[in-house]
Amino acid sequence: MATIFTTALGGVAVDWLRSPGRLSTTVVRKSACALSFASTGALLVGVGYVGCDRTLAVAILFAALACAGVAVASIAVNQLDLAPLHAGKVMGLTLGFSTLAAILAPLAVGALTYERSTRDEWRKVFFLAAAIYAVGAAVFVVFGSGDRQSWAE
């Protein structure tokens, strides 16, 4: 639910920023990724320090998912920028790898919260998630592109 509005609004904003005379596709994609992933990671770290206030914890997690929705509007369509004719194949590869992460995530949470499931153990989970977002943003900012690739012709 949190990503419904931010994905749509993010898509409009990204398209507006990419319009002629504004910013290049690469700059927009990298900026949206960095902004989205940094804010999501920061909010995840913050939820680890909320304490027992369930309402605040849910609100922060809602905000984190909303921030992550901006990345969907930019990064999830990046395959079309890179290789329009091969976007389906590239998307299949990227979604395959992301599915592996979705399979491993509960195992990591179980390993980190195995002892007593304390607040400190859950903080480690949130820090790990924030670190994954940080690494993902750094890799995309350094290596990402919005330009059609030469191999995609």
N, C-alpha and C. Protein backbone atom coordinates (compact mmCIF):
# COMPACT_ATOMS: atom_id res chain seq x y z
N MET A 1 0.82 -1.18 0.00
CA MET A 1 0.00 0.00 0.00
C MET A 1 0.87 1.26 0.00
N ALA A 2 1.97 1.21 0.71
CA ALA A 2 2.82 2.40 0.82
C ALA A 2 3.45 2.79 -0.51
N THR A 3 3.74 1.80 -1.32
CA THR A 3 4.44 2.09 -2.57
C THR A 3 3.51 2.49 -3.72
N ILE A 4 2.22 2.31 -3.55
CA ILE A 4 1.29 2.62 -4.64
C ILE A 4 1.42 4.07 -5.08
N PHE A 5 1.38 4.98 -4.13
CA PHE A 5 1.40 6.40 -4.46
C PHE A 5 2.81 6.87 -4.82
N THR A 6 3.81 6.41 -4.08
CA THR A 6 5.16 6.90 -4.36
C THR A 6 5.71 6.37 -5.67
N THR A 7 5.31 5.17 -6.07
CA THR A 7 5.76 4.66 -7.36
C THR A 7 5.14 5.49 -8.48
N ALA A 8 3.85 5.77 -8.37
CA ALA A 8 3.19 6.57 -9.41
C ALA A 8 3.73 8.00 -9.44
N LEU A 9 3.81 8.63 -8.27
CA LEU A 9 4.33 10.00 -8.21
C LEU A 9 5.80 10.05 -8.60
N GLY A 10 6.56 9.06 -8.18
CA GLY A 10 7.97 8.98 -8.55
C GLY A 10 8.13 8.82 -10.05
N GLY A 11 7.27 8.04 -10.67
CA GLY A 11 7.33 7.87 -12.12
C GLY A 11 7.07 9.17 -12.86
N VAL A 12 6.09 9.92 -12.39
CA VAL A 12 5.80 11.22 -13.00
C VAL A 12 6.99 12.17 -12.82
N ALA A 13 7.55 12.19 -11.61
CA ALA A 13 8.69 13.08 -11.34
C ALA A 13 9.90 12.69 -12.17
N VAL A 14 10.17 11.40 -12.25
CA VAL A 14 11.32 10.93 -13.03
C VAL A 14 11.14 11.27 -14.50
N ASP A 15 9.95 11.05 -15.04
CA ASP A 15 9.71 11.39 -16.44
C ASP A 15 9.84 12.89 -16.68
N TRP A 16 9.36 13.69 -15.74
CA TRP A 16 9.48 15.15 -15.88
C TRP A 16 10.95 15.57 -15.87
N LEU A 17 11.73 14.98 -14.95
CA LEU A 17 13.15 15.32 -14.87
C LEU A 17 13.91 14.87 -16.12
N ARG A 18 13.45 13.80 -16.76
CA ARG A 18 14.11 13.28 -17.96
C ARG A 18 13.69 14.01 -19.23
N SER A 19 12.71 14.85 -19.14
CA SER A 19 12.24 15.53 -20.36
C SER A 19 13.35 16.40 -20.93
N PRO A 20 13.28 16.67 -22.25
CA PRO A 20 14.36 17.40 -22.92
C PRO A 20 14.70 18.73 -22.24
N GLY A 21 15.99 18.96 -22.10
CA GLY A 21 16.46 20.20 -21.52
C GLY A 21 16.64 20.16 -20.02
N ARG A 22 16.30 19.05 -19.39
CA ARG A 22 16.44 18.99 -17.93
C ARG A 22 17.67 18.14 -17.57
N LEU A 23 17.48 16.90 -17.23
CA LEU A 23 18.58 16.03 -16.79
C LEU A 23 18.66 14.79 -17.67
N SER A 24 19.84 14.21 -17.74
CA SER A 24 20.00 12.98 -18.52
C SER A 24 19.35 11.82 -17.77
N THR A 25 19.04 10.78 -18.52
CA THR A 25 18.43 9.59 -17.93
C THR A 25 19.34 9.00 -16.87
N THR A 26 20.64 8.95 -17.15
CA THR A 26 21.58 8.39 -16.18
C THR A 26 21.58 9.17 -14.88
N VAL A 27 21.61 10.49 -14.94
CA VAL A 27 21.61 11.31 -13.73
C VAL A 27 20.32 11.11 -12.94
N VAL A 28 19.21 11.06 -13.63
CA VAL A 28 17.92 10.88 -12.96
C VAL A 28 17.85 9.51 -12.29
N ARG A 29 18.25 8.46 -13.01
CA ARG A 29 18.20 7.10 -12.44
C ARG A 29 19.10 7.00 -11.21
N LYS A 30 20.32 7.51 -11.31
CA LYS A 30 21.25 7.43 -10.17
C LYS A 30 20.76 8.27 -9.00
N SER A 31 20.25 9.44 -9.25
CA SER A 31 19.75 10.31 -8.18
C SER A 31 18.56 9.68 -7.46
N ALA A 32 17.62 9.14 -8.24
CA ALA A 32 16.44 8.52 -7.64
C ALA A 32 16.84 7.31 -6.80
N CYS A 33 17.79 6.52 -7.29
CA CYS A 33 18.26 5.36 -6.54
C CYS A 33 18.91 5.80 -5.23
N ALA A 34 19.82 6.76 -5.32
CA ALA A 34 20.53 7.20 -4.12
C ALA A 34 19.57 7.79 -3.10
N LEU A 35 18.67 8.64 -3.54
CA LEU A 35 17.71 9.26 -2.63
C LEU A 35 16.79 8.22 -2.00
N SER A 36 16.25 7.33 -2.83
CA SER A 36 15.33 6.32 -2.34
C SER A 36 16.01 5.35 -1.37
N PHE A 37 17.14 4.82 -1.77
CA PHE A 37 17.82 3.82 -0.94
C PHE A 37 18.37 4.43 0.35
N ALA A 38 18.89 5.66 0.29
CA ALA A 38 19.42 6.30 1.50
C ALA A 38 18.31 6.57 2.50
N SER A 39 17.18 7.08 2.03
CA SER A 39 16.09 7.37 2.95
C SER A 39 15.48 6.09 3.50
N THR A 40 15.36 5.06 2.67
CA THR A 40 14.83 3.78 3.15
C THR A 40 15.76 3.18 4.20
N GLY A 41 17.06 3.18 3.94
CA GLY A 41 18.02 2.64 4.91
C GLY A 41 18.01 3.40 6.22
N ALA A 42 17.94 4.73 6.14
CA ALA A 42 17.91 5.54 7.36
C ALA A 42 16.66 5.26 8.18
N LEU A 43 15.54 5.12 7.51
CA LEU A 43 14.31 4.82 8.24
C LEU A 43 14.35 3.43 8.87
N LEU A 44 14.96 2.47 8.18
CA LEU A 44 15.08 1.13 8.76
C LEU A 44 15.97 1.13 10.00
N VAL A 45 17.05 1.89 9.96
CA VAL A 45 17.89 2.01 11.15
C VAL A 45 17.08 2.66 12.27
N GLY A 46 16.32 3.70 11.93
CA GLY A 46 15.51 4.39 12.93
C GLY A 46 14.48 3.52 13.60
N VAL A 47 13.89 2.59 12.86
CA VAL A 47 12.86 1.73 13.46
C VAL A 47 13.46 0.83 14.53
N GLY A 48 14.75 0.57 14.44
CA GLY A 48 15.40 -0.25 15.46
C GLY A 48 15.52 0.44 16.80
N TYR A 49 15.32 1.75 16.82
CA TYR A 49 15.46 2.51 18.07
C TYR A 49 14.13 3.04 18.58
N VAL A 50 13.04 2.57 18.03
CA VAL A 50 11.71 3.06 18.43
C VAL A 50 11.32 2.56 19.81
N GLY A 51 11.71 1.37 20.14
CA GLY A 51 11.30 0.80 21.42
C GLY A 51 10.01 0.02 21.24
N CYS A 52 9.11 0.16 22.18
CA CYS A 52 7.88 -0.63 22.17
C CYS A 52 6.67 0.12 21.60
N ASP A 53 6.90 1.24 20.99
CA ASP A 53 5.80 2.00 20.39
C ASP A 53 5.46 1.39 19.03
N ARG A 54 4.47 0.51 19.02
CA ARG A 54 4.11 -0.22 17.80
C ARG A 54 3.60 0.70 16.71
N THR A 55 2.83 1.70 17.10
CA THR A 55 2.27 2.62 16.11
C THR A 55 3.39 3.37 15.38
N LEU A 56 4.35 3.86 16.13
CA LEU A 56 5.46 4.58 15.53
C LEU A 56 6.31 3.64 14.66
N ALA A 57 6.52 2.42 15.13
CA ALA A 57 7.30 1.45 14.36
C ALA A 57 6.63 1.15 13.02
N VAL A 58 5.32 0.95 13.04
CA VAL A 58 4.59 0.68 11.80
C VAL A 58 4.62 1.90 10.89
N ALA A 59 4.49 3.08 11.46
CA ALA A 59 4.53 4.31 10.65
C ALA A 59 5.89 4.48 9.98
N ILE A 60 6.96 4.19 10.71
CA ILE A 60 8.30 4.31 10.13
C ILE A 60 8.51 3.26 9.04
N LEU A 61 8.05 2.03 9.27
CA LEU A 61 8.17 1.00 8.24
C LEU A 61 7.34 1.35 7.01
N PHE A 62 6.17 1.95 7.22
CA PHE A 62 5.33 2.42 6.11
C PHE A 62 6.09 3.47 5.30
N ALA A 63 6.71 4.42 6.01
CA ALA A 63 7.48 5.46 5.34
C ALA A 63 8.67 4.87 4.59
N ALA A 64 9.32 3.86 5.16
CA ALA A 64 10.45 3.21 4.50
C ALA A 64 10.01 2.55 3.19
N LEU A 65 8.87 1.87 3.23
CA LEU A 65 8.35 1.26 2.00
C LEU A 65 7.95 2.31 0.99
N ALA A 66 7.40 3.41 1.47
CA ALA A 66 7.04 4.50 0.55
C ALA A 66 8.28 5.06 -0.14
N CYS A 67 9.35 5.23 0.61
CA CYS A 67 10.61 5.71 0.02
C CYS A 67 11.16 4.70 -0.98
N ALA A 68 11.04 3.43 -0.68
CA ALA A 68 11.51 2.40 -1.60
C ALA A 68 10.72 2.41 -2.91
N GLY A 69 9.49 2.88 -2.86
CA GLY A 69 8.67 2.95 -4.07
C GLY A 69 9.23 3.88 -5.12
N VAL A 70 9.97 4.89 -4.70
CA VAL A 70 10.58 5.81 -5.66
C VAL A 70 11.62 5.07 -6.51
N ALA A 71 12.32 4.14 -5.91
CA ALA A 71 13.30 3.36 -6.67
C ALA A 71 12.63 2.51 -7.73
N VAL A 72 11.44 2.00 -7.43
CA VAL A 72 10.72 1.19 -8.41
C VAL A 72 10.44 2.01 -9.66
N ALA A 73 10.09 3.28 -9.47
CA ALA A 73 9.78 4.14 -10.61
C ALA A 73 11.00 4.45 -11.46
N SER A 74 12.17 4.23 -10.93
CA SER A 74 13.37 4.56 -11.67
C SER A 74 14.20 3.34 -12.04
N ILE A 75 14.53 2.53 -11.08
CA ILE A 75 15.44 1.42 -11.31
C ILE A 75 14.75 0.24 -11.99
N ALA A 76 13.51 -0.01 -11.65
CA ALA A 76 12.82 -1.17 -12.20
C ALA A 76 12.59 -1.05 -13.71
N VAL A 77 12.60 0.15 -14.23
CA VAL A 77 12.42 0.34 -15.67
C VAL A 77 13.75 0.57 -16.38
N ASN A 78 14.84 0.50 -15.66
CA ASN A 78 16.15 0.78 -16.23
C ASN A 78 16.52 -0.20 -17.34
N GLN A 79 15.99 -1.41 -17.30
CA GLN A 79 16.29 -2.37 -18.36
C GLN A 79 15.82 -1.86 -19.72
N LEU A 80 14.72 -1.11 -19.72
CA LEU A 80 14.23 -0.54 -20.98
C LEU A 80 15.17 0.54 -21.51
N ASP A 81 15.85 1.25 -20.60
CA ASP A 81 16.84 2.24 -21.03
C ASP A 81 18.06 1.56 -21.63
N LEU A 82 18.50 0.49 -20.98
CA LEU A 82 19.74 -0.17 -21.38
C LEU A 82 19.60 -0.96 -22.66
N ALA A 83 18.54 -1.73 -22.78
CA ALA A 83 18.38 -2.65 -23.91
C ALA A 83 16.90 -2.87 -24.20
N PRO A 84 16.26 -1.96 -24.90
CA PRO A 84 14.82 -2.08 -25.13
C PRO A 84 14.40 -3.41 -25.78
N LEU A 85 15.22 -3.90 -26.72
CA LEU A 85 14.87 -5.15 -27.41
C LEU A 85 15.10 -6.39 -26.54
N HIS A 86 15.92 -6.26 -25.53
CA HIS A 86 16.26 -7.40 -24.67
C HIS A 86 15.79 -7.19 -23.22
N ALA A 87 14.92 -6.21 -23.01
CA ALA A 87 14.52 -5.86 -21.64
C ALA A 87 13.88 -7.03 -20.91
N GLY A 88 13.12 -7.85 -21.61
CA GLY A 88 12.48 -9.00 -20.97
C GLY A 88 13.48 -9.99 -20.42
N LYS A 89 14.51 -10.26 -21.20
CA LYS A 89 15.55 -11.21 -20.76
C LYS A 89 16.35 -10.64 -19.60
N VAL A 90 16.71 -9.36 -19.72
CA VAL A 90 17.48 -8.72 -18.65
C VAL A 90 16.64 -8.64 -17.38
N MET A 91 15.35 -8.33 -17.53
CA MET A 91 14.46 -8.28 -16.37
C MET A 91 14.34 -9.66 -15.71
N GLY A 92 14.27 -10.69 -16.52
CA GLY A 92 14.22 -12.04 -15.98
C GLY A 92 15.45 -12.37 -15.14
N LEU A 93 16.63 -11.98 -15.63
CA LEU A 93 17.86 -12.21 -14.87
C LEU A 93 17.85 -11.44 -13.56
N THR A 94 17.50 -10.16 -13.62
CA THR A 94 17.53 -9.34 -12.40
C THR A 94 16.49 -9.80 -11.39
N LEU A 95 15.31 -10.16 -11.87
CA LEU A 95 14.28 -10.65 -10.94
C LEU A 95 14.66 -12.01 -10.37
N GLY A 96 15.37 -12.81 -11.15
CA GLY A 96 15.85 -14.09 -10.63
C GLY A 96 16.81 -13.90 -9.45
N PHE A 97 17.75 -12.96 -9.61
CA PHE A 97 18.67 -12.68 -8.51
C PHE A 97 17.95 -12.07 -7.31
N SER A 98 16.99 -11.21 -7.56
CA SER A 98 16.26 -10.60 -6.43
C SER A 98 15.41 -11.64 -5.71
N THR A 99 14.95 -12.66 -6.42
CA THR A 99 14.20 -13.73 -5.77
C THR A 99 15.09 -14.52 -4.83
N LEU A 100 16.35 -14.69 -5.21
CA LEU A 100 17.30 -15.35 -4.31
C LEU A 100 17.44 -14.57 -3.01
N ALA A 101 17.49 -13.24 -3.12
CA ALA A 101 17.58 -12.41 -1.92
C ALA A 101 16.32 -12.56 -1.08
N ALA A 102 15.17 -12.67 -1.71
CA ALA A 102 13.92 -12.84 -0.96
C ALA A 102 13.88 -14.19 -0.26
N ILE A 103 14.53 -15.18 -0.81
CA ILE A 103 14.60 -16.50 -0.17
C ILE A 103 15.58 -16.46 1.00
N LEU A 104 16.69 -15.76 0.84
CA LEU A 104 17.72 -15.73 1.89
C LEU A 104 17.37 -14.80 3.04
N ALA A 105 16.55 -13.79 2.82
CA ALA A 105 16.23 -12.81 3.86
C ALA A 105 15.63 -13.45 5.12
N PRO A 106 14.62 -14.31 5.02
CA PRO A 106 14.09 -14.91 6.25
C PRO A 106 15.11 -15.79 6.97
N LEU A 107 16.00 -16.41 6.20
CA LEU A 107 17.05 -17.21 6.83
C LEU A 107 18.01 -16.32 7.62
N ALA A 108 18.36 -15.17 7.05
CA ALA A 108 19.24 -14.23 7.76
C ALA A 108 18.56 -13.68 9.01
N VAL A 109 17.29 -13.34 8.91
CA VAL A 109 16.56 -12.83 10.07
C VAL A 109 16.50 -13.90 11.15
N GLY A 110 16.23 -15.13 10.75
CA GLY A 110 16.19 -16.23 11.71
C GLY A 110 17.53 -16.44 12.40
N ALA A 111 18.61 -16.33 11.64
CA ALA A 111 19.94 -16.50 12.22
C ALA A 111 20.28 -15.36 13.17
N LEU A 112 19.86 -14.15 12.83
CA LEU A 112 20.19 -12.99 13.68
C LEU A 112 19.30 -12.86 14.91
N THR A 113 18.13 -13.46 14.88
CA THR A 113 17.20 -13.34 16.02
C THR A 113 16.95 -14.69 16.68
N TYR A 114 17.83 -15.62 16.49
CA TYR A 114 17.64 -16.99 16.96
C TYR A 114 17.67 -17.12 18.48
N GLU A 115 18.54 -16.38 19.13
CA GLU A 115 18.73 -16.54 20.58
C GLU A 115 17.48 -16.19 21.38
N ARG A 116 17.11 -14.89 21.38
CA ARG A 116 15.99 -14.46 22.22
C ARG A 116 15.04 -13.51 21.50
N SER A 117 15.36 -13.12 20.31
CA SER A 117 14.56 -12.15 19.55
C SER A 117 14.42 -10.83 20.33
N THR A 118 15.55 -10.33 20.79
CA THR A 118 15.56 -9.08 21.56
C THR A 118 15.63 -7.88 20.62
N ARG A 119 15.46 -6.71 21.21
CA ARG A 119 15.56 -5.47 20.44
C ARG A 119 16.94 -5.33 19.80
N ASP A 120 17.99 -5.71 20.53
CA ASP A 120 19.34 -5.62 19.99
C ASP A 120 19.52 -6.54 18.79
N GLU A 121 18.94 -7.73 18.85
CA GLU A 121 19.03 -8.64 17.71
C GLU A 121 18.27 -8.08 16.51
N TRP A 122 17.11 -7.48 16.76
CA TRP A 122 16.34 -6.91 15.66
C TRP A 122 17.03 -5.68 15.09
N ARG A 123 17.75 -4.94 15.93
CA ARG A 123 18.54 -3.81 15.41
C ARG A 123 19.56 -4.29 14.39
N LYS A 124 20.16 -5.44 14.66
CA LYS A 124 21.12 -6.00 13.71
C LYS A 124 20.44 -6.30 12.37
N VAL A 125 19.21 -6.78 12.43
CA VAL A 125 18.46 -7.05 11.20
C VAL A 125 18.25 -5.76 10.42
N PHE A 126 17.83 -4.71 11.12
CA PHE A 126 17.58 -3.43 10.45
C PHE A 126 18.88 -2.81 9.93
N PHE A 127 19.97 -2.95 10.68
CA PHE A 127 21.26 -2.46 10.20
C PHE A 127 21.72 -3.24 8.96
N LEU A 128 21.50 -4.55 8.96
CA LEU A 128 21.85 -5.36 7.79
C LEU A 128 21.05 -4.91 6.58
N ALA A 129 19.76 -4.69 6.75
CA ALA A 129 18.92 -4.23 5.64
C ALA A 129 19.39 -2.87 5.15
N ALA A 130 19.71 -1.97 6.07
CA ALA A 130 20.20 -0.64 5.67
C ALA A 130 21.54 -0.75 4.95
N ALA A 131 22.40 -1.66 5.39
CA ALA A 131 23.68 -1.85 4.73
C ALA A 131 23.49 -2.39 3.32
N ILE A 132 22.54 -3.27 3.13
CA ILE A 132 22.25 -3.80 1.80
C ILE A 132 21.75 -2.68 0.89
N TYR A 133 20.89 -1.82 1.41
CA TYR A 133 20.44 -0.66 0.64
C TYR A 133 21.62 0.25 0.29
N ALA A 134 22.51 0.48 1.25
CA ALA A 134 23.66 1.36 1.01
C ALA A 134 24.57 0.79 -0.06
N VAL A 135 24.86 -0.50 0.02
CA VAL A 135 25.72 -1.14 -0.99
C VAL A 135 25.03 -1.11 -2.36
N GLY A 136 23.73 -1.39 -2.38
CA GLY A 136 23.00 -1.34 -3.64
C GLY A 136 23.03 0.03 -4.27
N ALA A 137 22.84 1.06 -3.46
CA ALA A 137 22.89 2.44 -3.98
C ALA A 137 24.28 2.77 -4.48
N ALA A 138 25.30 2.40 -3.72
CA ALA A 138 26.68 2.71 -4.13
C ALA A 138 27.03 2.01 -5.44
N VAL A 139 26.66 0.76 -5.57
CA VAL A 139 26.96 0.02 -6.80
C VAL A 139 26.23 0.65 -7.99
N PHE A 140 24.96 1.01 -7.79
CA PHE A 140 24.22 1.60 -8.91
C PHE A 140 24.74 2.99 -9.26
N VAL A 141 25.10 3.78 -8.26
CA VAL A 141 25.62 5.12 -8.54
C VAL A 141 26.96 5.04 -9.27
N VAL A 142 27.78 4.09 -8.91
CA VAL A 142 29.10 3.96 -9.55
C VAL A 142 28.99 3.30 -10.93
N PHE A 143 28.25 2.21 -11.02
CA PHE A 143 28.24 1.42 -12.25
C PHE A 143 26.98 1.56 -13.10
N GLY A 144 25.92 2.13 -12.56
CA GLY A 144 24.65 2.21 -13.27
C GLY A 144 24.70 3.16 -14.45
N SER A 145 23.75 2.98 -15.35
CA SER A 145 23.67 3.82 -16.53
C SER A 145 22.22 3.91 -16.97
N GLY A 146 21.92 4.96 -17.69
CA GLY A 146 20.61 5.10 -18.30
C GLY A 146 20.72 5.15 -19.81
N ASP A 147 21.91 4.90 -20.31
CA ASP A 147 22.17 4.97 -21.75
C ASP A 147 22.02 3.60 -22.40
N ARG A 148 21.52 3.60 -23.63
CA ARG A 148 21.40 2.35 -24.38
C ARG A 148 22.80 1.76 -24.57
N GLN A 149 22.91 0.47 -24.33
CA GLN A 149 24.20 -0.21 -24.38
C GLN A 149 24.52 -0.64 -25.82
N SER A 150 25.80 -0.67 -26.13
CA SER A 150 26.23 -1.01 -27.50
C SER A 150 25.85 -2.44 -27.86
N TRP A 151 25.83 -3.34 -26.90
CA TRP A 151 25.49 -4.73 -27.17
C TRP A 151 24.00 -4.94 -27.41
N ALA A 152 23.20 -3.90 -27.14
CA ALA A 152 21.75 -4.02 -27.23
C ALA A 152 21.20 -3.60 -28.60
N GLU A 153 22.07 -3.31 -29.53
CA GLU A 153 21.60 -2.85 -30.86
C GLU A 153 21.12 -3.99 -31.70
